[in-house]
Amino acid sequence: MRYKVAPPARSLDFLRTVRAAVPLVPDDAADCCLAIQRATDVGDRERAREYLTFLRALGLVTETDRGYHRTRNGLDRDALATAYHDRVFLVDELFRAVETGADSPAAAFEAVREAIPRWERERDPAWERNWRERVEQLLDWAVVFGCLTVEDGHFAVSQ
């Protein structure tokens, strides 16, 4: 399963804080969102839910029939980069785009535009603006995880 969520990029320390807010024992999603809001500067429930889902994509949180709970997986940057690449929608395509010269968010968006599902484009009149933002956030997370570097607004694959 590949997750489409891409909240605004933050630091690994921020992810640690968000993860620590999620209980070890499964709990209701709403309680987890509130816990994330209380532990961080995330102001609204919808954004907290995005971070909760993003942690699921990274394997740092899991969902059971009883609710969400944090896993015992560490926050190893390489493991996070692998989970990010394998489990977040459009990341693989973005890496290929950057490898072939799409070094800005605008160029990367144009390179992956056709990979965005048709139903996403048809259901949202502002799809292009929303997906441009999502592409930029995905690129920024790739920098956080050490997959990409950025210098003067130009992205490159890390060596």
N, C-alpha and C. Protein backbone atom coordinates (compact mmCIF):
# COMPACT_ATOMS: atom_id res chain seq x y z
N MET A 1 0.85 -1.18 0.00
CA MET A 1 0.00 0.00 0.00
C MET A 1 0.88 1.23 0.00
N ARG A 2 0.52 2.20 -0.83
CA ARG A 2 1.25 3.46 -0.87
C ARG A 2 0.32 4.57 -0.38
N TYR A 3 0.83 5.37 0.51
CA TYR A 3 0.06 6.45 1.12
C TYR A 3 0.25 7.74 0.33
N LYS A 4 -0.82 8.51 0.17
CA LYS A 4 -0.75 9.77 -0.57
C LYS A 4 -0.46 10.97 0.32
N VAL A 5 -0.50 10.79 1.58
CA VAL A 5 -0.35 11.93 2.50
C VAL A 5 1.05 12.52 2.43
N ALA A 6 1.11 13.84 2.49
CA ALA A 6 2.39 14.56 2.50
C ALA A 6 2.21 15.84 3.31
N PRO A 7 2.29 15.72 4.64
CA PRO A 7 2.17 16.94 5.45
C PRO A 7 3.41 17.81 5.25
N PRO A 8 3.36 19.04 5.69
CA PRO A 8 4.54 19.89 5.56
C PRO A 8 5.76 19.24 6.21
N ALA A 9 6.89 19.32 5.52
CA ALA A 9 8.12 18.69 6.02
C ALA A 9 8.61 19.40 7.28
N ARG A 10 9.08 18.60 8.20
CA ARG A 10 9.65 19.09 9.45
C ARG A 10 10.92 18.27 9.69
N SER A 11 11.48 18.38 10.86
CA SER A 11 12.74 17.70 11.18
C SER A 11 12.49 16.28 11.71
N LEU A 12 13.58 15.51 11.80
CA LEU A 12 13.49 14.19 12.42
C LEU A 12 13.11 14.33 13.89
N ASP A 13 13.58 15.37 14.55
CA ASP A 13 13.20 15.60 15.94
C ASP A 13 11.70 15.82 16.07
N PHE A 14 11.13 16.53 15.12
CA PHE A 14 9.68 16.73 15.13
C PHE A 14 8.96 15.39 15.00
N LEU A 15 9.44 14.53 14.08
CA LEU A 15 8.83 13.21 13.93
C LEU A 15 8.94 12.41 15.22
N ARG A 16 10.07 12.53 15.92
CA ARG A 16 10.22 11.84 17.21
C ARG A 16 9.16 12.30 18.20
N THR A 17 8.93 13.61 18.23
CA THR A 17 7.95 14.18 19.15
C THR A 17 6.54 13.71 18.80
N VAL A 18 6.21 13.72 17.52
CA VAL A 18 4.89 13.27 17.09
C VAL A 18 4.71 11.80 17.44
N ARG A 19 5.72 11.01 17.14
CA ARG A 19 5.65 9.58 17.42
C ARG A 19 5.50 9.31 18.91
N ALA A 20 6.23 10.05 19.73
CA ALA A 20 6.16 9.86 21.18
C ALA A 20 4.77 10.22 21.72
N ALA A 21 4.03 11.05 20.99
CA ALA A 21 2.68 11.43 21.43
C ALA A 21 1.68 10.30 21.21
N VAL A 22 2.01 9.38 20.31
CA VAL A 22 1.12 8.24 20.03
C VAL A 22 1.41 7.16 21.06
N PRO A 23 0.39 6.62 21.69
CA PRO A 23 0.62 5.64 22.76
C PRO A 23 1.19 4.31 22.26
N LEU A 24 1.82 3.59 23.18
CA LEU A 24 2.29 2.23 22.86
C LEU A 24 1.14 1.24 22.82
N VAL A 25 0.08 1.54 23.55
CA VAL A 25 -1.11 0.69 23.58
C VAL A 25 -2.14 1.34 22.65
N PRO A 26 -2.76 0.56 21.76
CA PRO A 26 -3.69 1.13 20.78
C PRO A 26 -4.72 2.05 21.42
N ASP A 27 -4.99 3.13 20.70
CA ASP A 27 -5.92 4.13 21.19
C ASP A 27 -6.74 4.66 20.01
N ASP A 28 -7.81 5.33 20.30
CA ASP A 28 -8.69 5.92 19.29
C ASP A 28 -7.94 6.98 18.48
N ALA A 29 -8.20 7.04 17.19
CA ALA A 29 -7.52 7.99 16.29
C ALA A 29 -7.72 9.43 16.75
N ALA A 30 -8.90 9.76 17.20
CA ALA A 30 -9.16 11.13 17.64
C ALA A 30 -8.28 11.48 18.83
N ASP A 31 -8.11 10.55 19.76
CA ASP A 31 -7.24 10.79 20.90
C ASP A 31 -5.80 10.96 20.45
N CYS A 32 -5.37 10.20 19.48
CA CYS A 32 -4.01 10.32 18.96
C CYS A 32 -3.80 11.68 18.32
N CYS A 33 -4.78 12.14 17.59
CA CYS A 33 -4.66 13.45 16.96
C CYS A 33 -4.57 14.55 18.02
N LEU A 34 -5.39 14.45 19.02
CA LEU A 34 -5.34 15.43 20.11
C LEU A 34 -4.00 15.36 20.82
N ALA A 35 -3.48 14.17 21.04
CA ALA A 35 -2.17 14.02 21.69
C ALA A 35 -1.08 14.66 20.83
N ILE A 36 -1.16 14.50 19.52
CA ILE A 36 -0.17 15.13 18.63
C ILE A 36 -0.28 16.64 18.71
N GLN A 37 -1.50 17.15 18.73
CA GLN A 37 -1.69 18.59 18.85
C GLN A 37 -1.11 19.13 20.15
N ARG A 38 -1.32 18.41 21.23
CA ARG A 38 -0.82 18.87 22.54
C ARG A 38 0.70 18.81 22.64
N ALA A 39 1.31 17.84 21.95
CA ALA A 39 2.76 17.64 22.05
C ALA A 39 3.55 18.52 21.08
N THR A 40 2.87 19.11 20.11
CA THR A 40 3.55 19.87 19.06
C THR A 40 2.85 21.20 18.85
N ASP A 41 3.32 21.91 17.84
CA ASP A 41 2.67 23.17 17.47
C ASP A 41 1.65 22.96 16.34
N VAL A 42 1.26 21.71 16.08
CA VAL A 42 0.25 21.43 15.07
C VAL A 42 -1.08 21.93 15.62
N GLY A 43 -1.67 22.88 14.91
CA GLY A 43 -2.84 23.56 15.45
C GLY A 43 -4.18 22.91 15.19
N ASP A 44 -4.32 22.19 14.10
CA ASP A 44 -5.64 21.65 13.81
C ASP A 44 -5.63 20.12 13.68
N ARG A 45 -6.77 19.55 13.92
CA ARG A 45 -6.93 18.11 13.97
C ARG A 45 -6.63 17.45 12.62
N GLU A 46 -7.02 18.09 11.53
CA GLU A 46 -6.78 17.52 10.21
C GLU A 46 -5.29 17.40 9.93
N ARG A 47 -4.53 18.40 10.30
CA ARG A 47 -3.07 18.35 10.10
C ARG A 47 -2.46 17.28 11.00
N ALA A 48 -2.96 17.16 12.23
CA ALA A 48 -2.47 16.12 13.14
C ALA A 48 -2.75 14.74 12.54
N ARG A 49 -3.90 14.59 11.91
CA ARG A 49 -4.23 13.31 11.28
C ARG A 49 -3.30 13.02 10.11
N GLU A 50 -2.91 14.06 9.37
CA GLU A 50 -1.95 13.87 8.28
C GLU A 50 -0.62 13.34 8.82
N TYR A 51 -0.16 13.92 9.92
CA TYR A 51 1.10 13.44 10.51
C TYR A 51 0.95 12.01 11.03
N LEU A 52 -0.20 11.68 11.60
CA LEU A 52 -0.44 10.32 12.08
C LEU A 52 -0.39 9.34 10.91
N THR A 53 -1.02 9.68 9.82
CA THR A 53 -1.02 8.83 8.63
C THR A 53 0.39 8.74 8.04
N PHE A 54 1.11 9.84 8.04
CA PHE A 54 2.48 9.83 7.53
C PHE A 54 3.36 8.90 8.36
N LEU A 55 3.18 8.92 9.68
CA LEU A 55 3.92 7.99 10.55
C LEU A 55 3.56 6.54 10.23
N ARG A 56 2.31 6.29 9.86
CA ARG A 56 1.93 4.93 9.43
C ARG A 56 2.70 4.55 8.18
N ALA A 57 2.77 5.46 7.23
CA ALA A 57 3.51 5.18 5.99
C ALA A 57 4.97 4.86 6.28
N LEU A 58 5.54 5.51 7.26
CA LEU A 58 6.95 5.31 7.60
C LEU A 58 7.17 4.10 8.51
N GLY A 59 6.10 3.45 8.93
CA GLY A 59 6.22 2.28 9.80
C GLY A 59 6.47 2.63 11.26
N LEU A 60 6.22 3.88 11.63
CA LEU A 60 6.45 4.31 13.01
C LEU A 60 5.20 4.20 13.86
N VAL A 61 4.05 4.08 13.20
CA VAL A 61 2.76 3.92 13.86
C VAL A 61 2.02 2.85 13.09
N THR A 62 1.22 2.09 13.78
CA THR A 62 0.40 1.09 13.10
C THR A 62 -1.03 1.23 13.60
N GLU A 63 -1.96 0.70 12.83
CA GLU A 63 -3.37 0.73 13.20
C GLU A 63 -3.86 -0.70 13.36
N THR A 64 -4.57 -0.92 14.45
CA THR A 64 -5.21 -2.21 14.68
C THR A 64 -6.70 -1.96 14.81
N ASP A 65 -7.45 -3.01 15.04
CA ASP A 65 -8.89 -2.83 15.22
C ASP A 65 -9.20 -2.05 16.49
N ARG A 66 -8.24 -1.93 17.38
CA ARG A 66 -8.44 -1.17 18.63
C ARG A 66 -7.92 0.25 18.54
N GLY A 67 -7.30 0.62 17.43
CA GLY A 67 -6.83 1.99 17.28
C GLY A 67 -5.37 2.05 16.87
N TYR A 68 -4.78 3.20 17.05
CA TYR A 68 -3.40 3.45 16.65
C TYR A 68 -2.44 3.27 17.82
N HIS A 69 -1.23 2.82 17.49
CA HIS A 69 -0.18 2.79 18.50
C HIS A 69 1.17 2.88 17.79
N ARG A 70 2.14 3.37 18.53
CA ARG A 70 3.48 3.48 17.93
C ARG A 70 4.15 2.12 17.92
N THR A 71 5.00 1.94 16.93
CA THR A 71 5.76 0.70 16.82
C THR A 71 7.06 0.86 17.60
N ARG A 72 7.81 -0.20 17.68
CA ARG A 72 9.09 -0.13 18.36
C ARG A 72 10.23 0.12 17.37
N ASN A 73 9.88 0.35 16.10
CA ASN A 73 10.90 0.67 15.09
C ASN A 73 11.61 1.96 15.48
N GLY A 74 12.91 1.99 15.26
CA GLY A 74 13.67 3.19 15.54
C GLY A 74 13.50 4.24 14.46
N LEU A 75 14.04 5.41 14.72
CA LEU A 75 13.99 6.48 13.74
C LEU A 75 15.31 6.57 13.00
N ASP A 76 15.75 5.44 12.50
CA ASP A 76 16.97 5.38 11.71
C ASP A 76 16.71 6.06 10.36
N ARG A 77 17.54 7.03 10.02
CA ARG A 77 17.34 7.82 8.81
C ARG A 77 17.29 6.95 7.55
N ASP A 78 18.17 5.96 7.45
CA ASP A 78 18.17 5.09 6.26
C ASP A 78 16.90 4.26 6.17
N ALA A 79 16.44 3.73 7.30
CA ALA A 79 15.20 2.94 7.31
C ALA A 79 14.01 3.83 6.96
N LEU A 80 14.00 5.05 7.48
CA LEU A 80 12.93 5.98 7.15
C LEU A 80 12.94 6.33 5.66
N ALA A 81 14.13 6.53 5.11
CA ALA A 81 14.26 6.85 3.68
C ALA A 81 13.72 5.70 2.84
N THR A 82 14.02 4.47 3.23
CA THR A 82 13.54 3.31 2.49
C THR A 82 12.01 3.22 2.58
N ALA A 83 11.47 3.36 3.78
CA ALA A 83 10.01 3.31 3.95
C ALA A 83 9.35 4.44 3.17
N TYR A 84 9.94 5.60 3.20
CA TYR A 84 9.42 6.75 2.47
C TYR A 84 9.36 6.45 0.97
N HIS A 85 10.45 5.95 0.46
CA HIS A 85 10.54 5.62 -0.97
C HIS A 85 9.54 4.54 -1.35
N ASP A 86 9.40 3.53 -0.53
CA ASP A 86 8.57 2.37 -0.86
C ASP A 86 7.08 2.55 -0.57
N ARG A 87 6.73 3.42 0.39
CA ARG A 87 5.36 3.42 0.87
C ARG A 87 4.60 4.73 0.68
N VAL A 88 5.25 5.74 0.11
CA VAL A 88 4.56 7.01 -0.11
C VAL A 88 4.38 7.23 -1.61
N PHE A 89 3.16 7.48 -1.99
CA PHE A 89 2.80 7.64 -3.39
C PHE A 89 3.55 8.79 -4.04
N LEU A 90 4.08 8.55 -5.20
CA LEU A 90 4.75 9.50 -6.10
C LEU A 90 6.23 9.72 -5.77
N VAL A 91 6.71 9.19 -4.66
CA VAL A 91 8.11 9.41 -4.29
C VAL A 91 9.05 8.77 -5.30
N ASP A 92 8.80 7.54 -5.68
CA ASP A 92 9.66 6.87 -6.64
C ASP A 92 9.73 7.65 -7.95
N GLU A 93 8.58 8.09 -8.42
CA GLU A 93 8.52 8.87 -9.65
C GLU A 93 9.27 10.20 -9.51
N LEU A 94 9.18 10.82 -8.35
CA LEU A 94 9.90 12.08 -8.13
C LEU A 94 11.40 11.88 -8.14
N PHE A 95 11.87 10.80 -7.52
CA PHE A 95 13.31 10.52 -7.53
C PHE A 95 13.82 10.33 -8.95
N ARG A 96 13.05 9.59 -9.75
CA ARG A 96 13.45 9.40 -11.16
C ARG A 96 13.46 10.73 -11.90
N ALA A 97 12.49 11.59 -11.61
CA ALA A 97 12.42 12.89 -12.26
C ALA A 97 13.63 13.75 -11.89
N VAL A 98 14.00 13.74 -10.63
CA VAL A 98 15.17 14.52 -10.19
C VAL A 98 16.43 13.95 -10.83
N GLU A 99 16.54 12.63 -10.88
CA GLU A 99 17.71 11.99 -11.52
C GLU A 99 17.87 12.39 -12.98
N THR A 100 16.75 12.66 -13.63
CA THR A 100 16.82 13.02 -15.06
C THR A 100 16.76 14.52 -15.30
N GLY A 101 16.97 15.32 -14.24
CA GLY A 101 17.13 16.75 -14.43
C GLY A 101 16.03 17.65 -13.93
N ALA A 102 14.95 17.12 -13.39
CA ALA A 102 13.88 17.95 -12.84
C ALA A 102 14.33 18.44 -11.47
N ASP A 103 15.05 19.54 -11.43
CA ASP A 103 15.71 19.96 -10.19
C ASP A 103 14.96 21.01 -9.38
N SER A 104 13.75 21.37 -9.80
CA SER A 104 12.94 22.33 -9.05
C SER A 104 11.57 21.72 -8.80
N PRO A 105 10.83 22.24 -7.82
CA PRO A 105 9.49 21.71 -7.60
C PRO A 105 8.60 21.82 -8.84
N ALA A 106 8.71 22.92 -9.57
CA ALA A 106 7.89 23.09 -10.77
C ALA A 106 8.25 22.05 -11.84
N ALA A 107 9.52 21.85 -12.06
CA ALA A 107 9.96 20.86 -13.06
C ALA A 107 9.59 19.45 -12.61
N ALA A 108 9.73 19.18 -11.32
CA ALA A 108 9.38 17.85 -10.81
C ALA A 108 7.88 17.60 -10.98
N PHE A 109 7.07 18.61 -10.69
CA PHE A 109 5.62 18.45 -10.87
C PHE A 109 5.30 18.13 -12.33
N GLU A 110 5.88 18.86 -13.24
CA GLU A 110 5.62 18.61 -14.66
C GLU A 110 6.05 17.20 -15.06
N ALA A 111 7.14 16.72 -14.47
CA ALA A 111 7.64 15.38 -14.81
C ALA A 111 6.74 14.27 -14.29
N VAL A 112 6.03 14.51 -13.19
CA VAL A 112 5.18 13.45 -12.60
C VAL A 112 3.69 13.70 -12.81
N ARG A 113 3.36 14.76 -13.45
CA ARG A 113 1.96 15.17 -13.64
C ARG A 113 1.07 14.02 -14.12
N GLU A 114 1.52 13.26 -15.09
CA GLU A 114 0.71 12.18 -15.66
C GLU A 114 0.55 10.99 -14.70
N ALA A 115 1.39 10.91 -13.68
CA ALA A 115 1.27 9.82 -12.70
C ALA A 115 0.17 10.10 -11.67
N ILE A 116 -0.30 11.33 -11.63
CA ILE A 116 -1.39 11.68 -10.71
C ILE A 116 -2.67 11.07 -11.26
N PRO A 117 -3.36 10.28 -10.47
CA PRO A 117 -4.55 9.58 -10.96
C PRO A 117 -5.58 10.53 -11.56
N ARG A 118 -6.17 10.09 -12.65
CA ARG A 118 -7.18 10.89 -13.36
C ARG A 118 -8.32 11.29 -12.42
N TRP A 119 -8.77 10.38 -11.57
CA TRP A 119 -9.88 10.70 -10.67
C TRP A 119 -9.51 11.81 -9.71
N GLU A 120 -8.23 11.92 -9.34
CA GLU A 120 -7.78 13.02 -8.47
C GLU A 120 -7.93 14.35 -9.20
N ARG A 121 -7.61 14.33 -10.48
CA ARG A 121 -7.70 15.55 -11.29
C ARG A 121 -9.14 15.95 -11.55
N GLU A 122 -10.01 14.96 -11.67
CA GLU A 122 -11.41 15.25 -11.99
C GLU A 122 -12.25 15.63 -10.78
N ARG A 123 -11.86 15.17 -9.61
CA ARG A 123 -12.69 15.43 -8.43
C ARG A 123 -12.39 16.77 -7.76
N ASP A 124 -11.26 17.37 -8.07
CA ASP A 124 -10.81 18.57 -7.37
C ASP A 124 -10.49 19.68 -8.37
N PRO A 125 -11.27 20.74 -8.39
CA PRO A 125 -11.00 21.82 -9.33
C PRO A 125 -9.64 22.50 -9.07
N ALA A 126 -9.14 22.40 -7.86
CA ALA A 126 -7.84 22.99 -7.52
C ALA A 126 -6.75 21.92 -7.47
N TRP A 127 -6.93 20.81 -8.20
CA TRP A 127 -6.00 19.69 -8.12
C TRP A 127 -4.57 20.10 -8.43
N GLU A 128 -4.40 20.93 -9.42
CA GLU A 128 -3.04 21.28 -9.83
C GLU A 128 -2.31 22.04 -8.72
N ARG A 129 -2.97 23.02 -8.12
CA ARG A 129 -2.36 23.76 -7.00
C ARG A 129 -2.05 22.82 -5.84
N ASN A 130 -3.01 21.95 -5.50
CA ASN A 130 -2.83 21.04 -4.37
C ASN A 130 -1.70 20.04 -4.62
N TRP A 131 -1.62 19.51 -5.83
CA TRP A 131 -0.58 18.53 -6.13
C TRP A 131 0.79 19.19 -6.30
N ARG A 132 0.84 20.44 -6.76
CA ARG A 132 2.12 21.16 -6.79
C ARG A 132 2.66 21.31 -5.37
N GLU A 133 1.75 21.65 -4.45
CA GLU A 133 2.13 21.77 -3.04
C GLU A 133 2.60 20.42 -2.48
N ARG A 134 1.88 19.38 -2.82
CA ARG A 134 2.24 18.04 -2.35
C ARG A 134 3.61 17.62 -2.89
N VAL A 135 3.87 17.89 -4.16
CA VAL A 135 5.18 17.56 -4.74
C VAL A 135 6.29 18.30 -4.01
N GLU A 136 6.07 19.56 -3.72
CA GLU A 136 7.08 20.33 -2.99
C GLU A 136 7.31 19.74 -1.60
N GLN A 137 6.25 19.36 -0.92
CA GLN A 137 6.39 18.75 0.40
C GLN A 137 7.09 17.41 0.33
N LEU A 138 6.79 16.62 -0.70
CA LEU A 138 7.47 15.34 -0.87
C LEU A 138 8.97 15.54 -1.12
N LEU A 139 9.32 16.51 -1.91
CA LEU A 139 10.73 16.81 -2.15
C LEU A 139 11.41 17.25 -0.85
N ASP A 140 10.73 18.08 -0.09
CA ASP A 140 11.29 18.55 1.18
C ASP A 140 11.51 17.40 2.17
N TRP A 141 10.57 16.45 2.23
CA TRP A 141 10.75 15.29 3.10
C TRP A 141 11.94 14.45 2.63
N ALA A 142 12.13 14.35 1.32
CA ALA A 142 13.26 13.59 0.79
C ALA A 142 14.58 14.21 1.24
N VAL A 143 14.61 15.51 1.39
CA VAL A 143 15.81 16.18 1.92
C VAL A 143 15.98 15.84 3.40
N VAL A 144 14.89 15.87 4.16
CA VAL A 144 14.94 15.53 5.60
C VAL A 144 15.50 14.12 5.78
N PHE A 145 15.08 13.19 4.92
CA PHE A 145 15.51 11.80 5.04
C PHE A 145 16.87 11.54 4.37
N GLY A 146 17.46 12.57 3.81
CA GLY A 146 18.79 12.43 3.22
C GLY A 146 18.81 11.81 1.83
N CYS A 147 17.66 11.71 1.20
CA CYS A 147 17.58 11.11 -0.15
C CYS A 147 17.96 12.12 -1.23
N LEU A 148 17.60 13.37 -0.98
CA LEU A 148 17.90 14.46 -1.91
C LEU A 148 18.66 15.55 -1.16
N THR A 149 19.37 16.33 -1.92
CA THR A 149 19.98 17.55 -1.39
C THR A 149 19.34 18.72 -2.11
N VAL A 150 19.42 19.88 -1.52
CA VAL A 150 18.89 21.07 -2.17
C VAL A 150 19.88 22.21 -1.95
N GLU A 151 20.17 22.90 -3.02
CA GLU A 151 21.07 24.05 -2.94
C GLU A 151 20.53 25.12 -3.88
N ASP A 152 20.30 26.29 -3.32
CA ASP A 152 19.74 27.41 -4.09
C ASP A 152 18.45 27.02 -4.80
N GLY A 153 17.62 26.22 -4.15
CA GLY A 153 16.34 25.82 -4.72
C GLY A 153 16.41 24.71 -5.75
N HIS A 154 17.59 24.14 -5.96
CA HIS A 154 17.76 23.07 -6.93
C HIS A 154 18.00 21.74 -6.22
N PHE A 155 17.21 20.75 -6.55
CA PHE A 155 17.29 19.44 -5.93
C PHE A 155 18.22 18.53 -6.72
N ALA A 156 18.89 17.63 -5.99
CA ALA A 156 19.73 16.61 -6.61
C ALA A 156 19.67 15.37 -5.73
N VAL A 157 19.85 14.21 -6.37
CA VAL A 157 19.87 12.96 -5.62
C VAL A 157 21.14 12.91 -4.79
N SER A 158 21.00 12.54 -3.51
CA SER A 158 22.17 12.43 -2.62
C SER A 158 23.08 11.30 -3.08
N GLN A 159 24.34 11.49 -2.87
CA GLN A 159 25.32 10.46 -3.25
C GLN A 159 25.54 9.48 -2.14
